[in-house]
């Protein structure tokens, strides 16, 4: 029998798929425990260079007018912070993240004209494109998506996939499953969240934590941060940083690290803050 929580997440995917690209930025609806995927946070050497890459090359929309440097994709933000990173994502537990394009041939032609570093993968519908500061983005083509581009997944290399799936299910209410468009054994075990999937591949090597790397952390938006932090305490989850107000915004935030080294930000009100900034332009 399909659980109510699974139905909530399926509905969330359906709703976010209908959000027109370039419309007022919205996150996917919350799942059954009031969590949705919020953002990917990058530490960058040059904010303007990254803005140009994420808009001109990758197809995102800038969120202008606020104190945070943000690029909006349907259902997920990329947040940019000017800071020298200790290294690229390669070598850390969180290796890369992925996007999906409705018209991949047209996208590849655009990338070729722009001189982007895009390399085809194991099949013509998949590959990787390299951005500034060693950021590697996996891409897929899927004509079935109703928007030109959408964020798809994060990809971590971990020693115990099942333990990761269970932790993200228990802590954030994700639904363990398989990643669509992928059939390679060992490369498609995921936890589904509204807006994004968190993907795991097995790797016995000791990898570095994400904090300080150019792909510094991922973010989940929660409906009520203070209440959620109390819930985490009952689960024995310790925070790295207690809830606090992000300066000059209406966003509340807290930080923790998963057992394998991925830094995670919990936010409340990130979408509302982004929309207010856009309206104030």
C-alpha atoms as a PDB file:
ATOM      1  CA  UNK A   1       0.000   0.000   0.000  1.00  0.00           C
ATOM      2  CA  UNK A   2       1.312   3.466  -0.877  1.00  0.00           C
ATOM      3  CA  UNK A   3       1.816   5.590   2.227  1.00  0.00           C
ATOM      4  CA  UNK A   4       0.259   9.015   2.722  1.00  0.00           C
ATOM      5  CA  UNK A   5       3.727  10.526   2.935  1.00  0.00           C
ATOM      6  CA  UNK A   6       4.676   9.029  -0.438  1.00  0.00           C
ATOM      7  CA  UNK A   7       1.518  10.465  -1.982  1.00  0.00           C
ATOM      8  CA  UNK A   8       2.396  13.879  -0.556  1.00  0.00           C
ATOM      9  CA  UNK A   9       5.834  13.733  -2.182  1.00  0.00           C
ATOM     10  CA  UNK A  10       4.474  12.537  -5.530  1.00  0.00           C
ATOM     11  CA  UNK A  11       2.022  15.445  -5.440  1.00  0.00           C
ATOM     12  CA  UNK A  12       4.884  17.809  -4.635  1.00  0.00           C
ATOM     13  CA  UNK A  13       6.838  16.660  -7.685  1.00  0.00           C
ATOM     14  CA  UNK A  14       3.756  17.153  -9.857  1.00  0.00           C
ATOM     15  CA  UNK A  15       3.122  20.661  -8.547  1.00  0.00           C
ATOM     16  CA  UNK A  16       6.697  21.896  -8.932  1.00  0.00           C
ATOM     17  CA  UNK A  17       6.831  20.512 -12.473  1.00  0.00           C
ATOM     18  CA  UNK A  18       4.037  22.904 -13.405  1.00  0.00           C
ATOM     19  CA  UNK A  19       5.818  26.033 -12.162  1.00  0.00           C
ATOM     20  CA  UNK A  20       6.773  28.079 -15.244  1.00  0.00           C
ATOM     21  CA  UNK A  21      10.491  28.733 -15.566  1.00  0.00           C
ATOM     22  CA  UNK A  22      11.176  32.372 -14.787  1.00  0.00           C
ATOM     23  CA  UNK A  23       8.040  32.778 -12.656  1.00  0.00           C
ATOM     24  CA  UNK A  24       8.172  33.998  -9.073  1.00  0.00           C
ATOM     25  CA  UNK A  25      10.560  31.580  -7.372  1.00  0.00           C
ATOM     26  CA  UNK A  26       8.867  28.895  -5.338  1.00  0.00           C
ATOM     27  CA  UNK A  27      10.077  25.758  -3.633  1.00  0.00           C
ATOM     28  CA  UNK A  28       8.263  22.461  -3.968  1.00  0.00           C
ATOM     29  CA  UNK A  29       5.487  21.872  -1.387  1.00  0.00           C
ATOM     30  CA  UNK A  30       6.525  20.393   1.952  1.00  0.00           C
ATOM     31  CA  UNK A  31       6.502  16.633   2.464  1.00  0.00           C
ATOM     32  CA  UNK A  32       4.658  14.872   5.287  1.00  0.00           C
ATOM     33  CA  UNK A  33       7.104  16.097   7.958  1.00  0.00           C
ATOM     34  CA  UNK A  34       7.198  19.725   6.724  1.00  0.00           C
ATOM     35  CA  UNK A  35      10.492  19.494   4.810  1.00  0.00           C
ATOM     36  CA  UNK A  36      11.343  20.340   1.198  1.00  0.00           C
ATOM     37  CA  UNK A  37      14.669  20.616  -0.594  1.00  0.00           C
ATOM     38  CA  UNK A  38      15.752  24.256  -0.615  1.00  0.00           C
ATOM     39  CA  UNK A  39      19.145  25.045  -2.055  1.00  0.00           C
ATOM     40  CA  UNK A  40      22.693  24.143  -2.999  1.00  0.00           C
ATOM     41  CA  UNK A  41      25.275  26.525  -1.521  1.00  0.00           C
ATOM     42  CA  UNK A  42      28.538  27.251  -3.343  1.00  0.00           C
ATOM     43  CA  UNK A  43      31.651  29.066  -2.135  1.00  0.00           C
ATOM     44  CA  UNK A  44      32.940  30.951  -5.145  1.00  0.00           C
ATOM     45  CA  UNK A  45      36.001  32.954  -6.108  1.00  0.00           C
ATOM     46  CA  UNK A  46      34.031  35.335  -8.366  1.00  0.00           C
ATOM     47  CA  UNK A  47      30.293  35.856  -7.888  1.00  0.00           C
ATOM     48  CA  UNK A  48      29.806  37.610 -11.242  1.00  0.00           C
ATOM     49  CA  UNK A  49      31.501  34.777 -13.134  1.00  0.00           C
ATOM     50  CA  UNK A  50      29.238  32.257 -11.425  1.00  0.00           C
ATOM     51  CA  UNK A  51      26.121  34.323 -12.088  1.00  0.00           C
ATOM     52  CA  UNK A  52      26.952  34.382 -15.772  1.00  0.00           C
ATOM     53  CA  UNK A  53      27.610  30.636 -15.816  1.00  0.00           C
ATOM     54  CA  UNK A  54      24.429  29.643 -13.958  1.00  0.00           C
ATOM     55  CA  UNK A  55      22.229  31.938 -16.048  1.00  0.00           C
ATOM     56  CA  UNK A  56      23.772  32.073 -19.538  1.00  0.00           C
ATOM     57  CA  UNK A  57      25.085  28.502 -19.632  1.00  0.00           C
ATOM     58  CA  UNK A  58      22.876  26.500 -17.287  1.00  0.00           C
ATOM     59  CA  UNK A  59      19.590  28.369 -17.720  1.00  0.00           C
ATOM     60  CA  UNK A  60      18.846  29.615 -14.208  1.00  0.00           C
ATOM     61  CA  UNK A  61      17.223  32.936 -13.333  1.00  0.00           C
ATOM     62  CA  UNK A  62      18.975  35.482 -11.071  1.00  0.00           C
ATOM     63  CA  UNK A  63      17.213  36.614  -7.903  1.00  0.00           C
ATOM     64  CA  UNK A  64      18.111  40.290  -7.672  1.00  0.00           C
ATOM     65  CA  UNK A  65      17.527  42.937  -5.057  1.00  0.00           C
ATOM     66  CA  UNK A  66      18.357  41.109  -1.829  1.00  0.00           C
ATOM     67  CA  UNK A  67      21.491  40.592   0.280  1.00  0.00           C
ATOM     68  CA  UNK A  68      21.883  36.950  -0.830  1.00  0.00           C
ATOM     69  CA  UNK A  69      23.320  36.046  -4.232  1.00  0.00           C
ATOM     70  CA  UNK A  70      20.834  33.474  -5.540  1.00  0.00           C
ATOM     71  CA  UNK A  71      20.032  31.763  -8.822  1.00  0.00           C
ATOM     72  CA  UNK A  72      16.556  30.226  -9.147  1.00  0.00           C
ATOM     73  CA  UNK A  73      15.759  26.975 -10.898  1.00  0.00           C
ATOM     74  CA  UNK A  74      12.241  25.511 -10.727  1.00  0.00           C
ATOM     75  CA  UNK A  75      11.907  24.373  -7.109  1.00  0.00           C
ATOM     76  CA  UNK A  76      15.534  24.854  -5.992  1.00  0.00           C
ATOM     77  CA  UNK A  77      17.953  27.757  -5.494  1.00  0.00           C
ATOM     78  CA  UNK A  78      21.694  27.958  -5.954  1.00  0.00           C
ATOM     79  CA  UNK A  79      23.193  30.324  -3.369  1.00  0.00           C
ATOM     80  CA  UNK A  80      26.580  31.926  -4.032  1.00  0.00           C
ATOM     81  CA  UNK A  81      28.956  33.182  -1.335  1.00  0.00           C
ATOM     82  CA  UNK A  82      32.175  35.007  -2.151  1.00  0.00           C
ATOM     83  CA  UNK A  83      34.783  32.931  -0.289  1.00  0.00           C
ATOM     84  CA  UNK A  84      37.961  31.121  -1.227  1.00  0.00           C
ATOM     85  CA  UNK A  85      37.224  27.397  -0.979  1.00  0.00           C
ATOM     86  CA  UNK A  86      39.648  24.788   0.334  1.00  0.00           C
ATOM     87  CA  UNK A  87      39.139  22.743  -2.826  1.00  0.00           C
ATOM     88  CA  UNK A  88      36.618  21.554  -5.411  1.00  0.00           C
ATOM     89  CA  UNK A  89      33.855  19.043  -4.617  1.00  0.00           C
ATOM     90  CA  UNK A  90      36.032  16.223  -6.006  1.00  0.00           C
ATOM     91  CA  UNK A  91      37.604  14.491  -3.011  1.00  0.00           C
ATOM     92  CA  UNK A  92      34.730  15.295  -0.653  1.00  0.00           C
ATOM     93  CA  UNK A  93      31.757  13.105   0.174  1.00  0.00           C
ATOM     94  CA  UNK A  94      29.384  15.273  -1.914  1.00  0.00           C
ATOM     95  CA  UNK A  95      30.852  14.919  -5.386  1.00  0.00           C
ATOM     96  CA  UNK A  96      28.445  16.717  -7.725  1.00  0.00           C
ATOM     97  CA  UNK A  97      24.831  17.534  -8.468  1.00  0.00           C
ATOM     98  CA  UNK A  98      22.678  17.151 -11.556  1.00  0.00           C
ATOM     99  CA  UNK A  99      20.168  18.913 -13.807  1.00  0.00           C
ATOM    100  CA  UNK A 100      17.710  17.771 -16.482  1.00  0.00           C
ATOM    101  CA  UNK A 101      16.956  19.541 -19.788  1.00  0.00           C
ATOM    102  CA  UNK A 102      13.818  19.207 -21.874  1.00  0.00           C
ATOM    103  CA  UNK A 103      15.656  19.784 -25.161  1.00  0.00           C
ATOM    104  CA  UNK A 104      19.125  18.364 -24.623  1.00  0.00           C
ATOM    105  CA  UNK A 105      20.297  18.594 -28.272  1.00  0.00           C
ATOM    106  CA  UNK A 106      19.544  22.330 -28.301  1.00  0.00           C
ATOM    107  CA  UNK A 107      21.267  22.736 -24.944  1.00  0.00           C
ATOM    108  CA  UNK A 108      24.382  20.914 -26.140  1.00  0.00           C
ATOM    109  CA  UNK A 109      24.476  23.083 -29.257  1.00  0.00           C
ATOM    110  CA  UNK A 110      24.237  26.211 -27.099  1.00  0.00           C
ATOM    111  CA  UNK A 111      27.031  24.970 -24.841  1.00  0.00           C
ATOM    112  CA  UNK A 112      29.247  24.271 -27.861  1.00  0.00           C
ATOM    113  CA  UNK A 113      28.648  27.793 -29.171  1.00  0.00           C
ATOM    114  CA  UNK A 114      29.489  29.230 -25.740  1.00  0.00           C
ATOM    115  CA  UNK A 115      32.618  27.105 -25.413  1.00  0.00           C
ATOM    116  CA  UNK A 116      31.361  25.342 -22.267  1.00  0.00           C
ATOM    117  CA  UNK A 117      33.326  22.336 -21.040  1.00  0.00           C
ATOM    118  CA  UNK A 118      30.642  19.668 -21.596  1.00  0.00           C
ATOM    119  CA  UNK A 119      31.549  16.002 -22.004  1.00  0.00           C
ATOM    120  CA  UNK A 120      29.239  13.197 -23.025  1.00  0.00           C
ATOM    121  CA  UNK A 121      28.953  10.320 -20.564  1.00  0.00           C
ATOM    122  CA  UNK A 122      28.127   6.656 -21.005  1.00  0.00           C
ATOM    123  CA  UNK A 123      25.182   7.376 -23.284  1.00  0.00           C
ATOM    124  CA  UNK A 124      24.252  10.316 -25.535  1.00  0.00           C
ATOM    125  CA  UNK A 125      21.523  11.420 -23.132  1.00  0.00           C
ATOM    126  CA  UNK A 126      23.889  11.945 -20.184  1.00  0.00           C
ATOM    127  CA  UNK A 127      27.154  13.654 -19.414  1.00  0.00           C
ATOM    128  CA  UNK A 128      28.910  16.308 -17.351  1.00  0.00           C
ATOM    129  CA  UNK A 129      29.583  20.005 -17.684  1.00  0.00           C
ATOM    130  CA  UNK A 130      32.249  21.807 -15.660  1.00  0.00           C
ATOM    131  CA  UNK A 131      31.626  25.181 -14.076  1.00  0.00           C
ATOM    132  CA  UNK A 132      33.909  27.648 -12.280  1.00  0.00           C
ATOM    133  CA  UNK A 133      35.784  26.583  -9.131  1.00  0.00           C
ATOM    134  CA  UNK A 134      35.767  22.908 -10.110  1.00  0.00           C
ATOM    135  CA  UNK A 135      31.989  22.506  -9.852  1.00  0.00           C
ATOM    136  CA  UNK A 136      30.915  19.466 -11.888  1.00  0.00           C
ATOM    137  CA  UNK A 137      27.278  19.176 -12.953  1.00  0.00           C
ATOM    138  CA  UNK A 138      25.758  16.005 -14.349  1.00  0.00           C
ATOM    139  CA  UNK A 139      23.179  16.551 -17.083  1.00  0.00           C
ATOM    140  CA  UNK A 140      20.390  14.475 -18.595  1.00  0.00           C
ATOM    141  CA  UNK A 141      17.846  14.991 -21.323  1.00  0.00           C
ATOM    142  CA  UNK A 142      14.182  14.278 -20.692  1.00  0.00           C
ATOM    143  CA  UNK A 143      11.579  15.598 -23.184  1.00  0.00           C
ATOM    144  CA  UNK A 144       8.827  14.689 -20.702  1.00  0.00           C
ATOM    145  CA  UNK A 145       9.603  17.497 -18.251  1.00  0.00           C
ATOM    146  CA  UNK A 146       7.296  20.504 -18.764  1.00  0.00           C
ATOM    147  CA  UNK A 147       9.981  23.148 -18.089  1.00  0.00           C
ATOM    148  CA  UNK A 148      13.195  23.874 -20.046  1.00  0.00           C
ATOM    149  CA  UNK A 149      15.466  22.878 -17.145  1.00  0.00           C
ATOM    150  CA  UNK A 150      15.116  21.633 -13.596  1.00  0.00           C
ATOM    151  CA  UNK A 151      17.404  20.534 -10.813  1.00  0.00           C
ATOM    152  CA  UNK A 152      17.531  16.759 -10.405  1.00  0.00           C
ATOM    153  CA  UNK A 153      19.849  15.313  -7.745  1.00  0.00           C
ATOM    154  CA  UNK A 154      22.849  15.614  -5.487  1.00  0.00           C
ATOM    155  CA  UNK A 155      25.355  12.742  -5.577  1.00  0.00           C
ATOM    156  CA  UNK A 156      27.388  11.568  -2.584  1.00  0.00           C
ATOM    157  CA  UNK A 157      29.965   8.766  -2.347  1.00  0.00           C
ATOM    158  CA  UNK A 158      29.500   6.884   0.929  1.00  0.00           C
ATOM    159  CA  UNK A 159      30.567   3.581   2.521  1.00  0.00           C
ATOM    160  CA  UNK A 160      27.042   2.412   3.438  1.00  0.00           C
ATOM    161  CA  UNK A 161      24.192   3.366   1.100  1.00  0.00           C
ATOM    162  CA  UNK A 162      21.408   1.762   3.125  1.00  0.00           C
ATOM    163  CA  UNK A 163      22.517   3.551   6.293  1.00  0.00           C
ATOM    164  CA  UNK A 164      22.430   6.890   4.412  1.00  0.00           C
ATOM    165  CA  UNK A 165      18.972   6.224   3.023  1.00  0.00           C
ATOM    166  CA  UNK A 166      17.679   5.344   6.474  1.00  0.00           C
ATOM    167  CA  UNK A 167      19.229   8.426   8.098  1.00  0.00           C
ATOM    168  CA  UNK A 168      17.697  10.839   5.575  1.00  0.00           C
ATOM    169  CA  UNK A 169      14.350   9.054   5.887  1.00  0.00           C
ATOM    170  CA  UNK A 170      14.394   9.242   9.677  1.00  0.00           C
ATOM    171  CA  UNK A 171      15.712  12.798   9.984  1.00  0.00           C
ATOM    172  CA  UNK A 172      14.022  14.562   7.046  1.00  0.00           C
ATOM    173  CA  UNK A 173      11.177  12.286   5.992  1.00  0.00           C
ATOM    174  CA  UNK A 174      12.654  11.407   2.590  1.00  0.00           C
ATOM    175  CA  UNK A 175      11.464   8.353   0.666  1.00  0.00           C
ATOM    176  CA  UNK A 176      14.178   5.804  -0.275  1.00  0.00           C
ATOM    177  CA  UNK A 177      13.974   4.627  -3.869  1.00  0.00           C
ATOM    178  CA  UNK A 178      15.678   4.659  -7.242  1.00  0.00           C
ATOM    179  CA  UNK A 179      16.733   7.565  -9.450  1.00  0.00           C
ATOM    180  CA  UNK A 180      14.864   7.857 -12.760  1.00  0.00           C
ATOM    181  CA  UNK A 181      16.838   7.821 -16.029  1.00  0.00           C
ATOM    182  CA  UNK A 182      19.592   5.697 -14.446  1.00  0.00           C
ATOM    183  CA  UNK A 183      19.912   1.923 -14.707  1.00  0.00           C
ATOM    184  CA  UNK A 184      23.523   1.308 -13.596  1.00  0.00           C
ATOM    185  CA  UNK A 185      23.621  -0.862 -10.443  1.00  0.00           C
ATOM    186  CA  UNK A 186      25.127   0.953  -7.460  1.00  0.00           C
ATOM    187  CA  UNK A 187      24.654   4.422  -8.967  1.00  0.00           C
ATOM    188  CA  UNK A 188      20.972   5.108  -8.509  1.00  0.00           C
ATOM    189  CA  UNK A 189      20.055   4.547  -4.852  1.00  0.00           C
ATOM    190  CA  UNK A 190      18.353   7.721  -3.664  1.00  0.00           C
ATOM    191  CA  UNK A 191      16.148   9.391  -1.117  1.00  0.00           C
ATOM    192  CA  UNK A 192      13.371  11.386  -2.776  1.00  0.00           C
ATOM    193  CA  UNK A 193      12.476  14.852  -1.523  1.00  0.00           C
ATOM    194  CA  UNK A 194      10.165  17.431  -3.045  1.00  0.00           C
ATOM    195  CA  UNK A 195      12.258  19.382  -5.538  1.00  0.00           C
ATOM    196  CA  UNK A 196      15.345  17.146  -5.548  1.00  0.00           C
ATOM    197  CA  UNK A 197      16.657  13.651  -4.895  1.00  0.00           C
ATOM    198  CA  UNK A 198      19.666  12.865  -2.725  1.00  0.00           C
ATOM    199  CA  UNK A 199      21.676  10.132  -4.463  1.00  0.00           C
ATOM    200  CA  UNK A 200      24.305   7.771  -3.035  1.00  0.00           C
ATOM    201  CA  UNK A 201      27.001   5.595  -4.592  1.00  0.00           C
ATOM    202  CA  UNK A 202      29.182   3.145  -2.688  1.00  0.00           C
ATOM    203  CA  UNK A 203      32.767   4.165  -1.997  1.00  0.00           C
ATOM    204  CA  UNK A 204      35.001   2.633   0.663  1.00  0.00           C
ATOM    205  CA  UNK A 205      37.599   5.425   0.516  1.00  0.00           C
ATOM    206  CA  UNK A 206      37.788   8.037   3.258  1.00  0.00           C
ATOM    207  CA  UNK A 207      36.504  11.263   1.767  1.00  0.00           C
ATOM    208  CA  UNK A 208      36.645  14.790   3.144  1.00  0.00           C
ATOM    209  CA  UNK A 209      33.658  16.610   4.663  1.00  0.00           C
ATOM    210  CA  UNK A 210      32.018  19.247   2.497  1.00  0.00           C
ATOM    211  CA  UNK A 211      32.471  22.258   4.762  1.00  0.00           C
ATOM    212  CA  UNK A 212      34.829  24.741   3.145  1.00  0.00           C
ATOM    213  CA  UNK A 213      34.779  23.054  -0.284  1.00  0.00           C
ATOM    214  CA  UNK A 214      33.366  24.914  -3.273  1.00  0.00           C
ATOM    215  CA  UNK A 215      30.217  22.773  -2.891  1.00  0.00           C
ATOM    216  CA  UNK A 216      29.915  23.612   0.784  1.00  0.00           C
ATOM    217  CA  UNK A 217      26.458  22.386   1.737  1.00  0.00           C
ATOM    218  CA  UNK A 218      22.912  21.559   0.773  1.00  0.00           C
ATOM    219  CA  UNK A 219      19.829  23.135   2.323  1.00  0.00           C
ATOM    220  CA  UNK A 220      16.425  21.901   3.391  1.00  0.00           C
ATOM    221  CA  UNK A 221      13.580  24.342   3.964  1.00  0.00           C
ATOM    222  CA  UNK A 222      11.362  23.529   6.960  1.00  0.00           C
ATOM    223  CA  UNK A 223       8.016  25.016   7.862  1.00  0.00           C
ATOM    224  CA  UNK A 224       8.905  25.903  11.483  1.00  0.00           C
ATOM    225  CA  UNK A 225      12.624  25.861  12.254  1.00  0.00           C
ATOM    226  CA  UNK A 226      12.395  26.087  16.040  1.00  0.00           C
ATOM    227  CA  UNK A 227       9.916  23.221  16.186  1.00  0.00           C
ATOM    228  CA  UNK A 228      12.007  21.119  13.813  1.00  0.00           C
ATOM    229  CA  UNK A 229      15.156  21.654  15.849  1.00  0.00           C
ATOM    230  CA  UNK A 230      13.302  20.356  18.910  1.00  0.00           C
ATOM    231  CA  UNK A 231      12.321  17.274  16.918  1.00  0.00           C
ATOM    232  CA  UNK A 232      15.949  16.713  15.906  1.00  0.00           C
ATOM    233  CA  UNK A 233      16.968  16.846  19.562  1.00  0.00           C
ATOM    234  CA  UNK A 234      14.570  13.975  20.341  1.00  0.00           C
ATOM    235  CA  UNK A 235      16.296  11.987  17.571  1.00  0.00           C
ATOM    236  CA  UNK A 236      19.708  12.650  19.103  1.00  0.00           C
ATOM    237  CA  UNK A 237      20.775  14.947  16.241  1.00  0.00           C
ATOM    238  CA  UNK A 238      23.215  17.653  17.358  1.00  0.00           C
ATOM    239  CA  UNK A 239      23.434  21.016  15.602  1.00  0.00           C
ATOM    240  CA  UNK A 240      26.623  22.713  14.470  1.00  0.00           C
ATOM    241  CA  UNK A 241      24.920  26.109  14.714  1.00  0.00           C
ATOM    242  CA  UNK A 242      21.711  26.934  16.588  1.00  0.00           C
ATOM    243  CA  UNK A 243      18.822  28.715  14.856  1.00  0.00           C
ATOM    244  CA  UNK A 244      19.604  32.335  14.061  1.00  0.00           C
ATOM    245  CA  UNK A 245      18.411  35.114  11.785  1.00  0.00           C
ATOM    246  CA  UNK A 246      20.426  35.564   8.586  1.00  0.00           C
ATOM    247  CA  UNK A 247      21.529  39.235   8.649  1.00  0.00           C
ATOM    248  CA  UNK A 248      19.389  41.661   6.630  1.00  0.00           C
ATOM    249  CA  UNK A 249      16.847  38.965   5.685  1.00  0.00           C
ATOM    250  CA  UNK A 250      13.705  37.317   7.019  1.00  0.00           C
ATOM    251  CA  UNK A 251      15.428  33.917   6.821  1.00  0.00           C
ATOM    252  CA  UNK A 252      16.099  31.803   9.905  1.00  0.00           C
ATOM    253  CA  UNK A 253      18.813  29.167   9.623  1.00  0.00           C
ATOM    254  CA  UNK A 254      20.600  26.411  11.511  1.00  0.00           C
ATOM    255  CA  UNK A 255      23.341  23.954  10.535  1.00  0.00           C
ATOM    256  CA  UNK A 256      24.148  20.300  11.122  1.00  0.00           C
ATOM    257  CA  UNK A 257      26.375  17.693   9.480  1.00  0.00           C
ATOM    258  CA  UNK A 258      25.242  14.236   8.457  1.00  0.00           C
ATOM    259  CA  UNK A 259      27.249  11.248   9.756  1.00  0.00           C
ATOM    260  CA  UNK A 260      29.254  11.039   6.505  1.00  0.00           C
ATOM    261  CA  UNK A 261      30.370  14.671   6.336  1.00  0.00           C
ATOM    262  CA  UNK A 262      27.802  16.527   4.253  1.00  0.00           C
ATOM    263  CA  UNK A 263      27.033  19.909   5.763  1.00  0.00           C
ATOM    264  CA  UNK A 264      23.307  20.720   5.825  1.00  0.00           C
ATOM    265  CA  UNK A 265      21.586  24.047   6.340  1.00  0.00           C
ATOM    266  CA  UNK A 266      18.022  24.171   7.617  1.00  0.00           C
ATOM    267  CA  UNK A 267      16.171  27.313   6.581  1.00  0.00           C
ATOM    268  CA  UNK A 268      12.812  28.878   7.239  1.00  0.00           C
ATOM    269  CA  UNK A 269      11.435  31.473   4.819  1.00  0.00           C
ATOM    270  CA  UNK A 270      14.099  31.340   2.085  1.00  0.00           C
ATOM    271  CA  UNK A 271      11.541  31.409  -0.744  1.00  0.00           C
ATOM    272  CA  UNK A 272       9.591  34.296   0.752  1.00  0.00           C
ATOM    273  CA  UNK A 273      12.811  36.278   1.158  1.00  0.00           C
ATOM    274  CA  UNK A 274      13.779  35.602  -2.452  1.00  0.00           C
ATOM    275  CA  UNK A 275      10.372  36.635  -3.752  1.00  0.00           C
ATOM    276  CA  UNK A 276      10.422  39.822  -1.674  1.00  0.00           C
ATOM    277  CA  UNK A 277      13.828  40.687  -3.133  1.00  0.00           C
ATOM    278  CA  UNK A 278      12.552  40.114  -6.667  1.00  0.00           C
ATOM    279  CA  UNK A 279       9.459  42.268  -6.101  1.00  0.00           C
ATOM    280  CA  UNK A 280      11.640  45.072  -4.672  1.00  0.00           C
ATOM    281  CA  UNK A 281      13.686  45.452  -7.858  1.00  0.00           C
END
